[in-house]
Amino acid sequence: MTADERLARLRLIRTPQVGPVSWRQLMARFGSAEAAIEALPELAARGGRRLRVAPAAVAEQEMARVAALGARHIFCDEADYSPLLREIESAPPVLIARGDAAILHRPCVAIVGARNASAAACRFARQLASDLAVEGVTVVSGLARGVDTAAHVGALGGATVGVIASGIDVAFPTENAALQEKLASEHLLLAEQPPGTEPLARHFPSRNRIIAGAAQATVVIEAAPKSGSLITARRAADYGREVMAVPGSPLDPRAQGCNLLIREGATLIQYAADVLEALNPIDPRMMRETPREYAFAPLEAAMADAPVGEAEREGLAALLGPTPVGVDELVRQSGQPPSAVQLVLLEMELAGRIERHAGAKVSLA
């Protein structure tokens, strides 16, 4: 990949209204970020609004800042990118990494849980992570207080990955600054947001999808029913990964989420052996020949050229509302070819008229 193409790729994902799905569709359709950038204004205009591409100077400044921090950008079709994360529909087109990305190619297990976890839960998380690390498993978590911190500390003797919701240079919570630096220097630290980004509430669900997507299994240790940990677990289930939970007392509100997961079919976990038993080796026949093929090829057929008139665009827009609906359902109800539906949705997304949701669903913005 040339330096110009890397810069163009970063400009493309930093452009407003270009999300992970539309980024991959644009790459599949046009073959390069440079070509996609040239086509963006026309596509957005067909969607009904103007679009301003991220300036080259902004991307250049980000690249310089990342390099100065001792980090690097890893694009989704590069060898260092997590092979499991690459599988999910909403995989980040680029991650900023500090540390040894090779540990993502080992078996990975996510350990998540309550920030206000009990002492017993933190001790269990620390021991579980330590036992898994001894077996060569990479422990993935979010560097939050409570269970996340305990899991990272327990895995320091092996390999652990911290996924943060801020820029690679921002420590949150502040008391984990030393731990975050240790992960970056001796293990691996990942961020999706540009350097300097503060950890806003909207960034945490995005962070959670990376944790779930990079792991073969997600273990939940203490979580409230509507917590971020349960969001991570349900993302893992959506991705076809193993979901595991540690049971707790029904009298403890922090255990209700885990008990609910077990009731819904999650694997009950008591020891590291339970986790290892549930992990299945990935069949190599399920993996694409090359990372680039994995990242872009599945979308090429869907993004093939197809004639789309104003009547078709208006008809598809009329089917959309504030409630998320599956793209497959739009294809059925509109009677239009999948390629035409995908193209119109791409134009509308670039114009800021729709939002994409998990499970290949869309809604009006």
Protein backbone atom coordinates (compact mmCIF):
# COMPACT_ATOMS: atom_id res chain seq x y z
CA MET A 1 0.00 0.00 0.00
CA THR A 2 1.41 3.39 -0.97
CA ALA A 3 1.70 6.29 1.46
CA ASP A 4 -0.85 8.24 -0.61
CA GLU A 5 -3.38 5.39 -0.39
CA ARG A 6 -2.90 5.10 3.40
CA LEU A 7 -3.53 8.82 3.72
CA ALA A 8 -6.62 8.58 1.51
CA ARG A 9 -7.97 5.67 3.55
CA LEU A 10 -7.63 7.66 6.74
CA ARG A 11 -9.29 10.69 5.13
CA LEU A 12 -12.15 8.47 4.01
CA ILE A 13 -12.95 7.07 7.47
CA ARG A 14 -12.51 10.49 9.13
CA THR A 15 -15.06 12.01 6.74
CA PRO A 16 -18.41 12.75 8.43
CA GLN A 17 -21.15 10.22 7.55
CA VAL A 18 -18.65 7.57 6.43
CA GLY A 19 -18.96 4.67 8.86
CA PRO A 20 -17.36 1.23 8.91
CA VAL A 21 -19.96 -0.36 6.62
CA SER A 22 -20.02 2.47 4.08
CA TRP A 23 -16.18 2.63 4.14
CA ARG A 24 -15.96 -1.02 3.15
CA GLN A 25 -18.66 -0.61 0.51
CA LEU A 26 -16.83 2.34 -1.00
CA MET A 27 -13.55 0.40 -1.03
CA ALA A 28 -15.26 -2.60 -2.64
CA ARG A 29 -16.99 -0.45 -5.22
CA PHE A 30 -14.11 1.81 -6.26
CA GLY A 31 -11.08 -0.36 -5.49
CA SER A 32 -9.12 2.34 -3.66
CA ALA A 33 -9.71 5.14 -1.19
CA GLU A 34 -8.34 7.70 -3.62
CA ALA A 35 -10.99 6.78 -6.20
CA ALA A 36 -13.70 6.68 -3.53
CA ILE A 37 -12.85 10.19 -2.33
CA GLU A 38 -13.27 11.52 -5.85
CA ALA A 39 -16.72 9.94 -6.09
CA LEU A 40 -17.98 10.95 -2.62
CA PRO A 41 -19.43 14.39 -3.46
CA GLU A 42 -21.55 13.02 -6.32
CA LEU A 43 -22.79 10.07 -4.26
CA ALA A 44 -23.80 12.32 -1.37
CA ALA A 45 -25.49 14.77 -3.76
CA ARG A 46 -27.61 11.94 -5.14
CA GLY A 47 -28.57 11.20 -1.53
CA GLY A 48 -29.83 14.75 -1.14
CA ARG A 49 -27.06 16.66 0.66
CA ARG A 50 -23.53 17.96 0.23
CA LEU A 51 -20.56 16.24 1.84
CA ARG A 52 -17.16 17.67 2.72
CA VAL A 53 -14.32 15.14 2.65
CA ALA A 54 -11.87 15.26 5.55
CA PRO A 55 -8.92 17.45 4.49
CA ALA A 56 -5.60 15.83 3.75
CA ALA A 57 -3.94 18.10 6.33
CA VAL A 58 -6.11 16.65 9.12
CA ALA A 59 -5.16 13.09 8.20
CA GLU A 60 -1.49 14.04 7.91
CA GLN A 61 -1.54 15.62 11.37
CA GLU A 62 -3.14 12.49 12.83
CA MET A 63 -0.54 10.23 11.23
CA ALA A 64 2.27 12.41 12.55
CA ARG A 65 0.76 12.47 16.04
CA VAL A 66 0.27 8.68 16.08
CA ALA A 67 3.87 8.11 15.00
CA ALA A 68 5.13 10.53 17.66
CA LEU A 69 3.28 8.50 20.29
CA GLY A 70 5.05 5.32 19.20
CA ALA A 71 1.82 3.93 17.76
CA ARG A 72 0.69 2.98 14.25
CA HIS A 73 -2.44 2.70 12.13
CA ILE A 74 -3.51 -0.85 11.20
CA PHE A 75 -6.03 -1.10 8.37
CA CYS A 76 -8.54 -3.96 8.25
CA ASP A 77 -6.87 -5.72 5.30
CA GLU A 78 -3.38 -5.68 6.81
CA ALA A 79 -1.78 -8.74 8.36
CA ASP A 80 -1.53 -7.25 11.88
CA TYR A 81 -5.29 -6.70 12.09
CA SER A 82 -7.26 -9.10 14.28
CA PRO A 83 -8.47 -11.96 12.03
CA LEU A 84 -11.60 -12.47 14.14
CA LEU A 85 -12.48 -8.78 14.32
CA ARG A 86 -12.17 -8.57 10.55
CA GLU A 87 -15.12 -10.99 10.24
CA ILE A 88 -17.77 -8.69 11.71
CA GLU A 89 -19.82 -6.40 9.51
CA SER A 90 -19.00 -3.26 11.52
CA ALA A 91 -15.26 -3.94 11.93
CA PRO A 92 -13.32 -0.67 12.31
CA PRO A 93 -11.60 0.14 9.00
CA VAL A 94 -8.54 1.27 10.95
CA LEU A 95 -7.27 0.84 14.50
CA ILE A 96 -4.50 2.72 16.26
CA ALA A 97 -2.21 0.31 18.04
CA ARG A 98 0.68 0.42 20.48
CA GLY A 99 2.39 -2.85 21.28
CA ASP A 100 2.53 -6.37 19.88
CA ALA A 101 -0.39 -6.99 17.51
CA ALA A 102 0.71 -10.60 17.04
CA ILE A 103 -1.02 -11.55 20.29
CA LEU A 104 -4.36 -11.00 18.53
CA HIS A 105 -3.58 -14.05 16.38
CA ARG A 106 -3.59 -16.35 19.43
CA PRO A 107 -6.85 -17.67 20.91
CA CYS A 108 -8.54 -14.62 22.46
CA VAL A 109 -11.09 -14.47 25.29
CA ALA A 110 -12.80 -11.27 26.43
CA ILE A 111 -13.41 -10.78 30.15
CA VAL A 112 -15.82 -7.98 31.07
CA GLY A 113 -17.91 -7.03 34.07
CA ALA A 114 -19.09 -4.42 36.52
CA ARG A 115 -17.09 -1.29 37.28
CA ASN A 116 -18.35 -1.42 40.87
CA ALA A 117 -17.55 -5.14 41.14
CA SER A 118 -17.29 -6.88 44.48
CA ALA A 119 -13.92 -7.89 45.87
CA ALA A 120 -14.79 -11.54 45.21
CA ALA A 121 -15.59 -10.84 41.56
CA CYS A 122 -12.33 -8.96 41.03
CA ARG A 123 -10.38 -11.79 42.64
CA PHE A 124 -12.16 -14.33 40.40
CA ALA A 125 -11.49 -12.23 37.28
CA ARG A 126 -7.82 -11.88 38.18
CA GLN A 127 -7.40 -15.62 38.76
CA LEU A 128 -9.37 -16.59 35.66
CA ALA A 129 -7.29 -14.29 33.48
CA SER A 130 -4.07 -15.60 35.01
CA ASP A 131 -5.08 -19.22 34.41
CA LEU A 132 -6.09 -18.50 30.80
CA ALA A 133 -2.85 -16.61 30.15
CA VAL A 134 -0.84 -19.61 31.37
CA GLU A 135 -2.63 -21.68 28.71
CA GLY A 136 -1.58 -19.27 25.95
CA VAL A 137 -4.90 -17.42 25.70
CA THR A 138 -4.88 -13.66 25.08
CA VAL A 139 -7.19 -11.82 27.48
CA VAL A 140 -9.10 -8.88 25.94
CA SER A 141 -10.85 -6.25 28.04
CA GLY A 142 -11.67 -2.55 28.21
CA LEU A 143 -9.38 -1.11 30.91
CA ALA A 144 -12.37 0.07 32.95
CA ARG A 145 -12.51 -0.03 36.73
CA GLY A 146 -13.45 -3.25 38.48
CA VAL A 147 -13.51 -6.49 36.53
CA ASP A 148 -11.68 -5.13 33.46
CA THR A 149 -8.75 -3.92 35.54
CA ALA A 150 -8.58 -7.19 37.49
CA ALA A 151 -8.57 -9.21 34.23
CA HIS A 152 -5.71 -7.18 32.73
CA VAL A 153 -3.66 -7.44 35.93
CA GLY A 154 -4.22 -11.19 36.10
CA ALA A 155 -3.05 -11.67 32.51
CA LEU A 156 0.14 -9.60 32.76
CA GLY A 157 2.20 -12.78 32.99
CA GLY A 158 0.92 -13.83 29.56
CA ALA A 159 -0.76 -11.63 26.95
CA THR A 160 -3.54 -9.07 27.29
CA VAL A 161 -5.15 -6.46 25.03
CA GLY A 162 -6.69 -3.22 26.29
CA VAL A 163 -9.34 -1.65 24.04
CA ILE A 164 -10.10 1.94 25.00
CA ALA A 165 -12.89 4.34 24.07
CA SER A 166 -10.59 7.37 23.96
CA GLY A 167 -7.58 8.37 21.91
CA ILE A 168 -4.47 6.22 22.29
CA ASP A 169 -2.88 9.02 24.36
CA VAL A 170 -5.76 9.51 26.82
CA ALA A 171 -5.91 7.40 29.98
CA PHE A 172 -9.36 6.65 31.39
CA PRO A 173 -9.95 6.16 34.23
CA THR A 174 -6.95 8.20 35.32
CA GLU A 175 -6.00 5.71 38.05
CA ASN A 176 -5.30 3.17 35.29
CA ALA A 177 -2.75 5.38 33.53
CA ALA A 178 0.19 3.22 34.67
CA LEU A 179 -1.61 0.00 33.73
CA GLN A 180 -2.55 1.40 30.32
CA GLU A 181 1.08 2.35 29.67
CA LYS A 182 2.22 -1.12 30.75
CA LEU A 183 -0.17 -2.73 28.29
CA ALA A 184 1.03 -0.42 25.51
CA SER A 185 4.71 -1.13 26.18
CA GLU A 186 4.56 -4.85 26.99
CA HIS A 187 1.28 -6.14 25.52
CA LEU A 188 -1.18 -4.32 23.21
CA LEU A 189 -3.32 -1.20 23.44
CA LEU A 190 -5.98 -0.46 20.78
CA ALA A 191 -8.03 2.66 20.06
CA GLU A 192 -10.46 3.45 17.26
CA GLN A 193 -10.66 7.18 17.95
CA PRO A 194 -7.97 9.70 16.85
CA PRO A 195 -5.38 10.84 19.42
CA GLY A 196 -6.65 13.42 21.86
CA THR A 197 -10.25 12.13 21.80
CA GLU A 198 -11.88 12.14 25.22
CA PRO A 199 -13.92 9.03 26.21
CA LEU A 200 -17.45 10.22 25.45
CA ALA A 201 -20.48 8.04 26.24
CA ARG A 202 -21.17 7.30 22.55
CA HIS A 203 -17.69 5.81 22.12
CA PHE A 204 -18.18 2.99 24.63
CA PRO A 205 -20.64 0.87 22.58
CA SER A 206 -18.20 1.12 19.68
CA ARG A 207 -15.38 0.03 21.99
CA ASN A 208 -17.50 -2.89 23.18
CA ARG A 209 -18.02 -4.23 19.65
CA ILE A 210 -14.23 -4.37 19.19
CA ILE A 211 -13.82 -6.35 22.42
CA ALA A 212 -16.53 -8.81 21.41
CA GLY A 213 -15.38 -9.03 17.81
CA ALA A 214 -11.72 -9.72 18.59
CA ALA A 215 -12.47 -12.67 20.90
CA GLN A 216 -13.65 -16.22 20.34
CA ALA A 217 -15.58 -16.03 23.60
CA THR A 218 -16.79 -13.36 26.02
CA VAL A 219 -16.93 -14.06 29.77
CA VAL A 220 -19.11 -11.80 31.92
CA ILE A 221 -18.37 -11.49 35.66
CA GLU A 222 -20.97 -9.42 37.54
CA ALA A 223 -23.13 -7.14 35.42
CA ALA A 224 -26.39 -5.26 35.82
CA PRO A 225 -29.18 -6.16 33.37
CA LYS A 226 -28.70 -2.99 31.27
CA SER A 227 -24.95 -2.64 31.61
CA GLY A 228 -22.29 -2.20 28.95
CA SER A 229 -21.01 -5.66 29.78
CA LEU A 230 -24.29 -7.20 28.69
CA ILE A 231 -24.15 -5.13 25.50
CA THR A 232 -20.73 -6.65 24.84
CA ALA A 233 -22.07 -10.16 25.51
CA ARG A 234 -25.02 -9.68 23.18
CA ARG A 235 -22.71 -8.32 20.48
CA ALA A 236 -20.62 -11.47 20.88
CA ALA A 237 -23.74 -13.61 20.45
CA ASP A 238 -24.68 -11.63 17.32
CA TYR A 239 -21.22 -12.39 15.92
CA GLY A 240 -21.66 -16.12 16.54
CA ARG A 241 -19.12 -16.23 19.36
CA GLU A 242 -19.34 -18.10 22.66
CA VAL A 243 -20.99 -16.22 25.54
CA MET A 244 -20.13 -17.31 29.09
CA ALA A 245 -21.15 -15.99 32.47
CA VAL A 246 -20.23 -16.50 36.12
CA PRO A 247 -23.32 -17.10 38.27
CA GLY A 248 -23.96 -15.05 41.38
CA SER A 249 -26.37 -14.61 44.25
CA PRO A 250 -29.88 -13.59 43.17
CA LEU A 251 -29.78 -11.16 46.10
CA ASP A 252 -26.90 -9.20 44.52
CA PRO A 253 -28.06 -6.74 41.82
CA ARG A 254 -24.60 -7.00 40.24
CA ALA A 255 -25.22 -10.69 39.51
CA GLN A 256 -28.60 -10.26 37.82
CA GLY A 257 -27.13 -9.71 34.35
CA CYS A 258 -24.97 -12.83 34.52
CA ASN A 259 -27.81 -14.97 35.81
CA LEU A 260 -30.01 -13.62 33.01
CA LEU A 261 -27.39 -14.56 30.41
CA ILE A 262 -27.19 -18.10 31.79
CA ARG A 263 -30.97 -18.36 31.71
CA GLU A 264 -30.84 -17.30 28.03
CA GLY A 265 -28.32 -20.00 27.18
CA ALA A 266 -24.88 -18.64 28.05
CA THR A 267 -22.34 -21.20 29.29
CA LEU A 268 -21.96 -21.26 33.08
CA ILE A 269 -18.31 -20.71 34.04
CA GLN A 270 -16.60 -21.68 37.30
CA TYR A 271 -13.00 -22.35 36.26
CA ALA A 272 -10.63 -21.58 33.41
CA ALA A 273 -11.04 -25.21 32.33
CA ASP A 274 -14.70 -24.45 31.58
CA VAL A 275 -13.66 -21.65 29.22
CA LEU A 276 -10.98 -23.74 27.51
CA GLU A 277 -13.42 -26.62 27.04
CA ALA A 278 -15.89 -24.36 25.24
CA LEU A 279 -13.30 -22.88 22.87
CA ASN A 280 -13.27 -24.56 19.49
CA PRO A 281 -10.39 -24.17 17.04
CA ILE A 282 -11.26 -22.04 14.02
CA ASP A 283 -11.60 -24.11 10.87
CA PRO A 284 -9.02 -22.74 8.41
CA ARG A 285 -11.49 -23.33 5.58
CA MET A 286 -13.58 -20.50 7.03
CA MET A 287 -10.77 -18.00 6.52
CA ARG A 288 -10.23 -16.10 3.27
CA GLU A 289 -7.08 -16.43 1.23
CA THR A 290 -5.87 -12.91 2.01
CA PRO A 291 -6.83 -10.19 4.50
CA ARG A 292 -7.86 -7.86 1.66
CA GLU A 293 -10.18 -10.48 0.23
CA TYR A 294 -11.68 -10.94 3.67
CA ALA A 295 -12.19 -7.22 4.15
CA PHE A 296 -13.68 -6.23 0.82
CA ALA A 297 -14.61 -9.13 -1.47
CA PRO A 298 -17.95 -10.07 0.18
CA LEU A 299 -19.34 -6.65 -0.75
CA GLU A 300 -18.23 -6.48 -4.36
CA ALA A 301 -21.26 -8.30 -5.80
CA ALA A 302 -23.66 -6.24 -3.70
CA MET A 303 -22.10 -3.00 -4.89
CA ALA A 304 -22.08 -3.84 -8.60
CA ASP A 305 -23.38 -1.12 -10.89
CA ALA A 306 -27.14 -1.12 -11.34
CA PRO A 307 -29.44 1.50 -12.87
CA VAL A 308 -31.28 3.38 -10.12
CA GLY A 309 -33.80 6.08 -10.96
CA GLU A 310 -35.45 8.74 -8.82
CA ALA A 311 -38.62 6.68 -8.52
CA GLU A 312 -36.66 3.76 -7.05
CA ARG A 313 -34.85 6.09 -4.64
CA GLU A 314 -38.11 7.67 -3.46
CA GLY A 315 -39.77 4.28 -3.10
CA LEU A 316 -36.97 2.96 -0.91
CA ALA A 317 -36.88 6.13 1.21
CA ALA A 318 -40.64 5.77 1.82
CA LEU A 319 -40.04 2.35 3.41
CA LEU A 320 -37.68 3.81 6.02
CA GLY A 321 -38.65 5.21 9.40
CA PRO A 322 -37.23 5.77 12.89
CA THR A 323 -37.44 2.04 13.69
CA PRO A 324 -34.44 0.00 12.44
CA VAL A 325 -35.30 -2.41 9.63
CA GLY A 326 -33.15 -5.09 8.02
CA VAL A 327 -31.61 -4.43 4.62
CA ASP A 328 -32.92 -7.82 3.45
CA GLU A 329 -36.44 -6.72 4.37
CA LEU A 330 -36.00 -3.54 2.32
CA VAL A 331 -34.95 -5.65 -0.65
CA ARG A 332 -38.06 -7.82 -0.30
CA GLN A 333 -40.51 -4.98 0.15
CA SER A 334 -39.04 -2.67 -2.48
CA GLY A 335 -38.71 -5.37 -5.13
CA GLN A 336 -35.42 -3.79 -6.17
CA PRO A 337 -32.17 -5.72 -6.74
CA PRO A 338 -29.88 -5.92 -3.68
CA SER A 339 -27.24 -3.93 -5.56
CA ALA A 340 -29.67 -1.06 -6.11
CA VAL A 341 -30.80 -1.06 -2.48
CA GLN A 342 -27.21 -1.07 -1.22
CA LEU A 343 -26.30 1.81 -3.52
CA VAL A 344 -29.26 3.97 -2.47
CA LEU A 345 -28.58 3.28 1.22
CA LEU A 346 -24.94 4.23 0.71
CA GLU A 347 -25.97 7.52 -0.91
CA MET A 348 -28.42 8.25 1.91
CA GLU A 349 -25.84 7.44 4.59
CA LEU A 350 -23.28 9.74 3.00
CA ALA A 351 -25.96 12.45 2.97
CA GLY A 352 -26.57 11.88 6.69
CA ARG A 353 -30.16 10.73 6.16
CA ILE A 354 -29.90 7.21 7.65
CA GLU A 355 -28.15 5.47 10.53
CA ARG A 356 -26.85 1.91 10.51
CA HIS A 357 -27.48 -0.46 13.40
CA ALA A 358 -26.26 -3.87 14.49
CA GLY A 359 -27.62 -6.83 12.57
CA ALA A 360 -27.51 -5.11 9.14
CA LYS A 361 -30.38 -2.78 10.01
CA VAL A 362 -30.94 0.86 9.07
CA SER A 363 -33.25 3.68 10.12
CA LEU A 364 -33.83 7.30 9.28
CA ALA A 365 -31.42 9.62 11.09
